[in-house]
Amino acid sequence: MSEVPEQSGDERVDAIVAGLGRLGELPVSEHVAVFDEAFSGLESTLAAVDESTPEEREPGGGEQTVGPR
């Protein structure tokens, strides 16, 4: 199995992934619900990023340009 990074760089994603840590404490029959919850959270986080403006997404607050203007 490949190694998973400890942090994604996004606090929302990190919190969702950390929630998967409770799988070891639960019976396998309850794992699907935990994965569904994580999937829904990740999907919502991704949708929020898609809905944000370019200024909110880019570090430094602006659109990136390629090449000279």
PDB file of N, CA and C in Angstrom:
ATOM      1  N   MET A   1       0.836  -1.175   0.000  1.00  0.00           N
ATOM      2  CA  MET A   1       0.000   0.000   0.000  1.00  0.00           C
ATOM      3  C   MET A   1       0.886   1.245   0.000  1.00  0.00           C
ATOM      4  N   SER A   2       0.478   2.289  -0.718  1.00  0.00           N
ATOM      5  CA  SER A   2       1.295   3.498  -0.757  1.00  0.00           C
ATOM      6  C   SER A   2       1.065   4.328   0.496  1.00  0.00           C
ATOM      7  N   GLU A   3       2.059   5.139   0.805  1.00  0.00           N
ATOM      8  CA  GLU A   3       1.979   5.975   1.996  1.00  0.00           C
ATOM      9  C   GLU A   3       1.119   7.203   1.723  1.00  0.00           C
ATOM     10  N   VAL A   4       0.283   7.554   2.677  1.00  0.00           N
ATOM     11  CA  VAL A   4      -0.613   8.694   2.549  1.00  0.00           C
ATOM     12  C   VAL A   4       0.015   9.880   3.267  1.00  0.00           C
ATOM     13  N   PRO A   5       0.022  11.073   2.637  1.00  0.00           N
ATOM     14  CA  PRO A   5       0.584  12.239   3.328  1.00  0.00           C
ATOM     15  C   PRO A   5      -0.238  12.555   4.578  1.00  0.00           C
ATOM     16  N   GLU A   6       0.433  13.101   5.583  1.00  0.00           N
ATOM     17  CA  GLU A   6      -0.261  13.405   6.830  1.00  0.00           C
ATOM     18  C   GLU A   6      -1.176  14.609   6.697  1.00  0.00           C
ATOM     19  N   GLN A   7      -0.836  15.548   5.821  1.00  0.00           N
ATOM     20  CA  GLN A   7      -1.675  16.727   5.632  1.00  0.00           C
ATOM     21  C   GLN A   7      -1.794  17.037   4.156  1.00  0.00           C
ATOM     22  N   SER A   8      -2.975  17.530   3.776  1.00  0.00           N
ATOM     23  CA  SER A   8      -3.229  17.854   2.377  1.00  0.00           C
ATOM     24  C   SER A   8      -2.899  19.299   2.050  1.00  0.00           C
ATOM     25  N   GLY A   9      -2.829  20.140   3.075  1.00  0.00           N
ATOM     26  CA  GLY A   9      -2.655  21.565   2.846  1.00  0.00           C
ATOM     27  C   GLY A   9      -3.975  22.317   2.940  1.00  0.00           C
ATOM     28  N   ASP A  10      -5.070  21.619   3.091  1.00  0.00           N
ATOM     29  CA  ASP A  10      -6.390  22.237   3.257  1.00  0.00           C
ATOM     30  C   ASP A  10      -6.972  21.710   4.566  1.00  0.00           C
ATOM     31  N   GLU A  11      -7.249  22.623   5.490  1.00  0.00           N
ATOM     32  CA  GLU A  11      -7.730  22.210   6.814  1.00  0.00           C
ATOM     33  C   GLU A  11      -9.025  21.421   6.744  1.00  0.00           C
ATOM     34  N   ARG A  12      -9.915  21.775   5.802  1.00  0.00           N
ATOM     35  CA  ARG A  12     -11.192  21.066   5.680  1.00  0.00           C
ATOM     36  C   ARG A  12     -10.960  19.618   5.272  1.00  0.00           C
ATOM     37  N   VAL A  13     -10.102  19.415   4.310  1.00  0.00           N
ATOM     38  CA  VAL A  13      -9.801  18.061   3.832  1.00  0.00           C
ATOM     39  C   VAL A  13      -9.093  17.267   4.930  1.00  0.00           C
ATOM     40  N   ASP A  14      -8.149  17.905   5.607  1.00  0.00           N
ATOM     41  CA  ASP A  14      -7.421  17.219   6.683  1.00  0.00           C
ATOM     42  C   ASP A  14      -8.367  16.745   7.777  1.00  0.00           C
ATOM     43  N   ALA A  15      -9.361  17.559   8.119  1.00  0.00           N
ATOM     44  CA  ALA A  15     -10.325  17.179   9.157  1.00  0.00           C
ATOM     45  C   ALA A  15     -11.158  15.976   8.714  1.00  0.00           C
ATOM     46  N   ILE A  16     -11.549  15.953   7.451  1.00  0.00           N
ATOM     47  CA  ILE A  16     -12.339  14.838   6.930  1.00  0.00           C
ATOM     48  C   ILE A  16     -11.513  13.551   6.934  1.00  0.00           C
ATOM     49  N   VAL A  17     -10.282  13.650   6.451  1.00  0.00           N
ATOM     50  CA  VAL A  17      -9.410  12.474   6.408  1.00  0.00           C
ATOM     51  C   VAL A  17      -9.112  11.985   7.828  1.00  0.00           C
ATOM     52  N   ALA A  18      -8.908  12.900   8.757  1.00  0.00           N
ATOM     53  CA  ALA A  18      -8.660  12.505  10.149  1.00  0.00           C
ATOM     54  C   ALA A  18      -9.839  11.722  10.710  1.00  0.00           C
ATOM     55  N   GLY A  19     -11.048  12.055  10.280  1.00  0.00           N
ATOM     56  CA  GLY A  19     -12.237  11.337  10.728  1.00  0.00           C
ATOM     57  C   GLY A  19     -12.235   9.871  10.331  1.00  0.00           C
ATOM     58  N   LEU A  20     -11.488   9.542   9.297  1.00  0.00           N
ATOM     59  CA  LEU A  20     -11.389   8.135   8.888  1.00  0.00           C
ATOM     60  C   LEU A  20     -10.609   7.314   9.916  1.00  0.00           C
ATOM     61  N   GLY A  21      -9.887   7.980  10.792  1.00  0.00           N
ATOM     62  CA  GLY A  21      -9.124   7.298  11.831  1.00  0.00           C
ATOM     63  C   GLY A  21      -9.998   6.509  12.786  1.00  0.00           C
ATOM     64  N   ARG A  22     -11.270   6.850  12.847  1.00  0.00           N
ATOM     65  CA  ARG A  22     -12.166   6.125  13.760  1.00  0.00           C
ATOM     66  C   ARG A  22     -12.602   4.774  13.203  1.00  0.00           C
ATOM     67  N   LEU A  23     -12.225   4.456  11.979  1.00  0.00           N
ATOM     68  CA  LEU A  23     -12.607   3.172  11.387  1.00  0.00           C
ATOM     69  C   LEU A  23     -12.127   1.990  12.218  1.00  0.00           C
ATOM     70  N   GLY A  24     -10.943   2.102  12.804  1.00  0.00           N
ATOM     71  CA  GLY A  24     -10.383   1.009  13.594  1.00  0.00           C
ATOM     72  C   GLY A  24     -11.191   0.693  14.840  1.00  0.00           C
ATOM     73  N   GLU A  25     -11.973   1.663  15.288  1.00  0.00           N
ATOM     74  CA  GLU A  25     -12.771   1.471  16.502  1.00  0.00           C
ATOM     75  C   GLU A  25     -14.164   0.922  16.207  1.00  0.00           C
ATOM     76  N   LEU A  26     -14.520   0.875  14.937  1.00  0.00           N
ATOM     77  CA  LEU A  26     -15.874   0.492  14.545  1.00  0.00           C
ATOM     78  C   LEU A  26     -15.905  -0.890  13.911  1.00  0.00           C
ATOM     79  N   PRO A  27     -17.037  -1.578  14.033  1.00  0.00           N
ATOM     80  CA  PRO A  27     -17.175  -2.843  13.303  1.00  0.00           C
ATOM     81  C   PRO A  27     -17.215  -2.570  11.795  1.00  0.00           C
ATOM     82  N   VAL A  28     -16.749  -3.510  11.020  1.00  0.00           N
ATOM     83  CA  VAL A  28     -16.704  -3.349   9.562  1.00  0.00           C
ATOM     84  C   VAL A  28     -18.077  -2.989   9.003  1.00  0.00           C
ATOM     85  N   SER A  29     -19.120  -3.469   9.607  1.00  0.00           N
ATOM     86  CA  SER A  29     -20.469  -3.180   9.110  1.00  0.00           C
ATOM     87  C   SER A  29     -20.804  -1.687   9.154  1.00  0.00           C
ATOM     88  N   GLU A  30     -20.065  -0.902   9.924  1.00  0.00           N
ATOM     89  CA  GLU A  30     -20.310   0.536  10.014  1.00  0.00           C
ATOM     90  C   GLU A  30     -19.349   1.364   9.161  1.00  0.00           C
ATOM     91  N   HIS A  31     -18.407   0.730   8.507  1.00  0.00           N
ATOM     92  CA  HIS A  31     -17.417   1.445   7.713  1.00  0.00           C
ATOM     93  C   HIS A  31     -18.033   2.184   6.525  1.00  0.00           C
ATOM     94  N   VAL A  32     -19.018   1.587   5.890  1.00  0.00           N
ATOM     95  CA  VAL A  32     -19.632   2.227   4.714  1.00  0.00           C
ATOM     96  C   VAL A  32     -20.187   3.597   5.084  1.00  0.00           C
ATOM     97  N   ALA A  33     -20.842   3.707   6.218  1.00  0.00           N
ATOM     98  CA  ALA A  33     -21.403   4.992   6.646  1.00  0.00           C
ATOM     99  C   ALA A  33     -20.309   6.036   6.847  1.00  0.00           C
ATOM    100  N   VAL A  34     -19.168   5.619   7.399  1.00  0.00           N
ATOM    101  CA  VAL A  34     -18.048   6.541   7.616  1.00  0.00           C
ATOM    102  C   VAL A  34     -17.481   6.994   6.282  1.00  0.00           C
ATOM    103  N   PHE A  35     -17.323   6.057   5.338  1.00  0.00           N
ATOM    104  CA  PHE A  35     -16.823   6.426   4.016  1.00  0.00           C
ATOM    105  C   PHE A  35     -17.811   7.336   3.283  1.00  0.00           C
ATOM    106  N   ASP A  36     -19.094   7.063   3.412  1.00  0.00           N
ATOM    107  CA  ASP A  36     -20.109   7.927   2.794  1.00  0.00           C
ATOM    108  C   ASP A  36     -20.038   9.342   3.350  1.00  0.00           C
ATOM    109  N   GLU A  37     -19.877   9.452   4.653  1.00  0.00           N
ATOM    110  CA  GLU A  37     -19.764  10.756   5.308  1.00  0.00           C
ATOM    111  C   GLU A  37     -18.523  11.506   4.804  1.00  0.00           C
ATOM    112  N   ALA A  38     -17.396  10.797   4.707  1.00  0.00           N
ATOM    113  CA  ALA A  38     -16.161  11.413   4.224  1.00  0.00           C
ATOM    114  C   ALA A  38     -16.316  11.837   2.765  1.00  0.00           C
ATOM    115  N   PHE A  39     -16.907  10.991   1.953  1.00  0.00           N
ATOM    116  CA  PHE A  39     -17.108  11.317   0.540  1.00  0.00           C
ATOM    117  C   PHE A  39     -17.971  12.569   0.397  1.00  0.00           C
ATOM    118  N   SER A  40     -19.046  12.633   1.169  1.00  0.00           N
ATOM    119  CA  SER A  40     -19.937  13.802   1.107  1.00  0.00           C
ATOM    120  C   SER A  40     -19.201  15.068   1.521  1.00  0.00           C
ATOM    121  N   GLY A  41     -18.393  14.963   2.557  1.00  0.00           N
ATOM    122  CA  GLY A  41     -17.623  16.117   3.013  1.00  0.00           C
ATOM    123  C   GLY A  41     -16.611  16.576   1.982  1.00  0.00           C
ATOM    124  N   LEU A  42     -15.920  15.629   1.364  1.00  0.00           N
ATOM    125  CA  LEU A  42     -14.946  15.987   0.326  1.00  0.00           C
ATOM    126  C   LEU A  42     -15.633  16.581  -0.898  1.00  0.00           C
ATOM    127  N   GLU A  43     -16.769  16.015  -1.245  1.00  0.00           N
ATOM    128  CA  GLU A  43     -17.533  16.527  -2.383  1.00  0.00           C
ATOM    129  C   GLU A  43     -17.991  17.971  -2.120  1.00  0.00           C
ATOM    130  N   SER A  44     -18.458  18.246  -0.915  1.00  0.00           N
ATOM    131  CA  SER A  44     -18.888  19.600  -0.555  1.00  0.00           C
ATOM    132  C   SER A  44     -17.714  20.573  -0.570  1.00  0.00           C
ATOM    133  N   THR A  45     -16.580  20.126  -0.074  1.00  0.00           N
ATOM    134  CA  THR A  45     -15.388  20.968  -0.066  1.00  0.00           C
ATOM    135  C   THR A  45     -14.950  21.293  -1.484  1.00  0.00           C
ATOM    136  N   LEU A  46     -14.959  20.307  -2.355  1.00  0.00           N
ATOM    137  CA  LEU A  46     -14.585  20.524  -3.747  1.00  0.00           C
ATOM    138  C   LEU A  46     -15.571  21.466  -4.427  1.00  0.00           C
ATOM    139  N   ALA A  47     -16.854  21.311  -4.162  1.00  0.00           N
ATOM    140  CA  ALA A  47     -17.865  22.198  -4.743  1.00  0.00           C
ATOM    141  C   ALA A  47     -17.647  23.633  -4.281  1.00  0.00           C
ATOM    142  N   ALA A  48     -17.273  23.811  -3.018  1.00  0.00           N
ATOM    143  CA  ALA A  48     -17.026  25.153  -2.496  1.00  0.00           C
ATOM    144  C   ALA A  48     -15.829  25.793  -3.193  1.00  0.00           C
ATOM    145  N   VAL A  49     -14.814  24.998  -3.505  1.00  0.00           N
ATOM    146  CA  VAL A  49     -13.649  25.516  -4.225  1.00  0.00           C
ATOM    147  C   VAL A  49     -14.055  25.898  -5.643  1.00  0.00           C
ATOM    148  N   ASP A  50     -14.865  25.067  -6.279  1.00  0.00           N
ATOM    149  CA  ASP A  50     -15.321  25.352  -7.640  1.00  0.00           C
ATOM    150  C   ASP A  50     -16.140  26.631  -7.711  1.00  0.00           C
ATOM    151  N   GLU A  51     -16.874  26.942  -6.627  1.00  0.00           N
ATOM    152  CA  GLU A  51     -17.735  28.116  -6.602  1.00  0.00           C
ATOM    153  C   GLU A  51     -17.001  29.386  -6.201  1.00  0.00           C
ATOM    154  N   SER A  52     -15.788  29.276  -5.672  1.00  0.00           N
ATOM    155  CA  SER A  52     -15.049  30.450  -5.238  1.00  0.00           C
ATOM    156  C   SER A  52     -14.521  31.207  -6.459  1.00  0.00           C
ATOM    157  N   THR A  53     -14.199  32.456  -6.256  1.00  0.00           N
ATOM    158  CA  THR A  53     -13.664  33.280  -7.337  1.00  0.00           C
ATOM    159  C   THR A  53     -12.186  32.975  -7.526  1.00  0.00           C
ATOM    160  N   PRO A  54     -11.616  33.306  -8.686  1.00  0.00           N
ATOM    161  CA  PRO A  54     -10.182  33.058  -8.894  1.00  0.00           C
ATOM    162  C   PRO A  54      -9.317  33.748  -7.839  1.00  0.00           C
ATOM    163  N   GLU A  55      -9.725  34.923  -7.377  1.00  0.00           N
ATOM    164  CA  GLU A  55      -8.942  35.632  -6.366  1.00  0.00           C
ATOM    165  C   GLU A  55      -8.903  34.856  -5.057  1.00  0.00           C
ATOM    166  N   GLU A  56      -9.977  34.159  -4.741  1.00  0.00           N
ATOM    167  CA  GLU A  56     -10.021  33.376  -3.518  1.00  0.00           C
ATOM    168  C   GLU A  56      -9.184  32.104  -3.633  1.00  0.00           C
ATOM    169  N   ARG A  57      -9.027  31.583  -4.841  1.00  0.00           N
ATOM    170  CA  ARG A  57      -8.293  30.333  -5.047  1.00  0.00           C
ATOM    171  C   ARG A  57      -6.796  30.541  -5.151  1.00  0.00           C
ATOM    172  N   GLU A  58      -6.364  31.645  -5.756  1.00  0.00           N
ATOM    173  CA  GLU A  58      -4.950  31.866  -6.028  1.00  0.00           C
ATOM    174  C   GLU A  58      -4.231  32.457  -4.822  1.00  0.00           C
ATOM    175  N   PRO A  59      -3.089  31.886  -4.453  1.00  0.00           N
ATOM    176  CA  PRO A  59      -2.287  32.533  -3.416  1.00  0.00           C
ATOM    177  C   PRO A  59      -1.851  33.908  -3.923  1.00  0.00           C
ATOM    178  N   GLY A  60      -1.964  34.911  -3.137  1.00  0.00           N
ATOM    179  CA  GLY A  60      -1.598  36.256  -3.568  1.00  0.00           C
ATOM    180  C   GLY A  60      -2.782  37.015  -4.115  1.00  0.00           C
ATOM    181  N   GLY A  61      -3.920  36.345  -4.336  1.00  0.00           N
ATOM    182  CA  GLY A  61      -5.158  37.017  -4.695  1.00  0.00           C
ATOM    183  C   GLY A  61      -5.263  37.563  -6.099  1.00  0.00           C
ATOM    184  N   GLY A  62      -4.897  36.827  -7.089  1.00  0.00           N
ATOM    185  CA  GLY A  62      -5.079  37.311  -8.442  1.00  0.00           C
ATOM    186  C   GLY A  62      -4.961  36.193  -9.454  1.00  0.00           C
ATOM    187  N   GLU A  63      -5.377  36.492 -10.677  1.00  0.00           N
ATOM    188  CA  GLU A  63      -5.270  35.497 -11.726  1.00  0.00           C
ATOM    189  C   GLU A  63      -3.842  35.374 -12.173  1.00  0.00           C
ATOM    190  N   GLN A  64      -3.445  34.168 -12.497  1.00  0.00           N
ATOM    191  CA  GLN A  64      -2.111  33.962 -13.008  1.00  0.00           C
ATOM    192  C   GLN A  64      -2.087  34.251 -14.488  1.00  0.00           C
ATOM    193  N   THR A  65      -1.011  34.832 -14.942  1.00  0.00           N
ATOM    194  CA  THR A  65      -0.860  35.083 -16.361  1.00  0.00           C
ATOM    195  C   THR A  65       0.313  34.286 -16.873  1.00  0.00           C
ATOM    196  N   VAL A  66       0.261  33.948 -18.150  1.00  0.00           N
ATOM    197  CA  VAL A  66       1.325  33.168 -18.745  1.00  0.00           C
ATOM    198  C   VAL A  66       1.990  34.035 -19.808  1.00  0.00           C
ATOM    199  N   GLY A  67       3.297  34.171 -19.715  1.00  0.00           N
ATOM    200  CA  GLY A  67       4.040  34.925 -20.709  1.00  0.00           C
ATOM    201  C   GLY A  67       3.903  36.430 -20.551  1.00  0.00           C
ATOM    202  N   PRO A  68       4.597  37.170 -21.387  1.00  0.00           N
ATOM    203  CA  PRO A  68       4.548  38.631 -21.315  1.00  0.00           C
ATOM    204  C   PRO A  68       3.228  39.158 -21.828  1.00  0.00           C
ATOM    205  N   ARG A  69       2.845  40.323 -21.327  1.00  0.00           N
ATOM    206  CA  ARG A  69       1.602  40.967 -21.777  1.00  0.00           C
ATOM    207  C   ARG A  69       1.898  42.058 -22.722  1.00  0.00           C
TER     208      ARG A  69
END
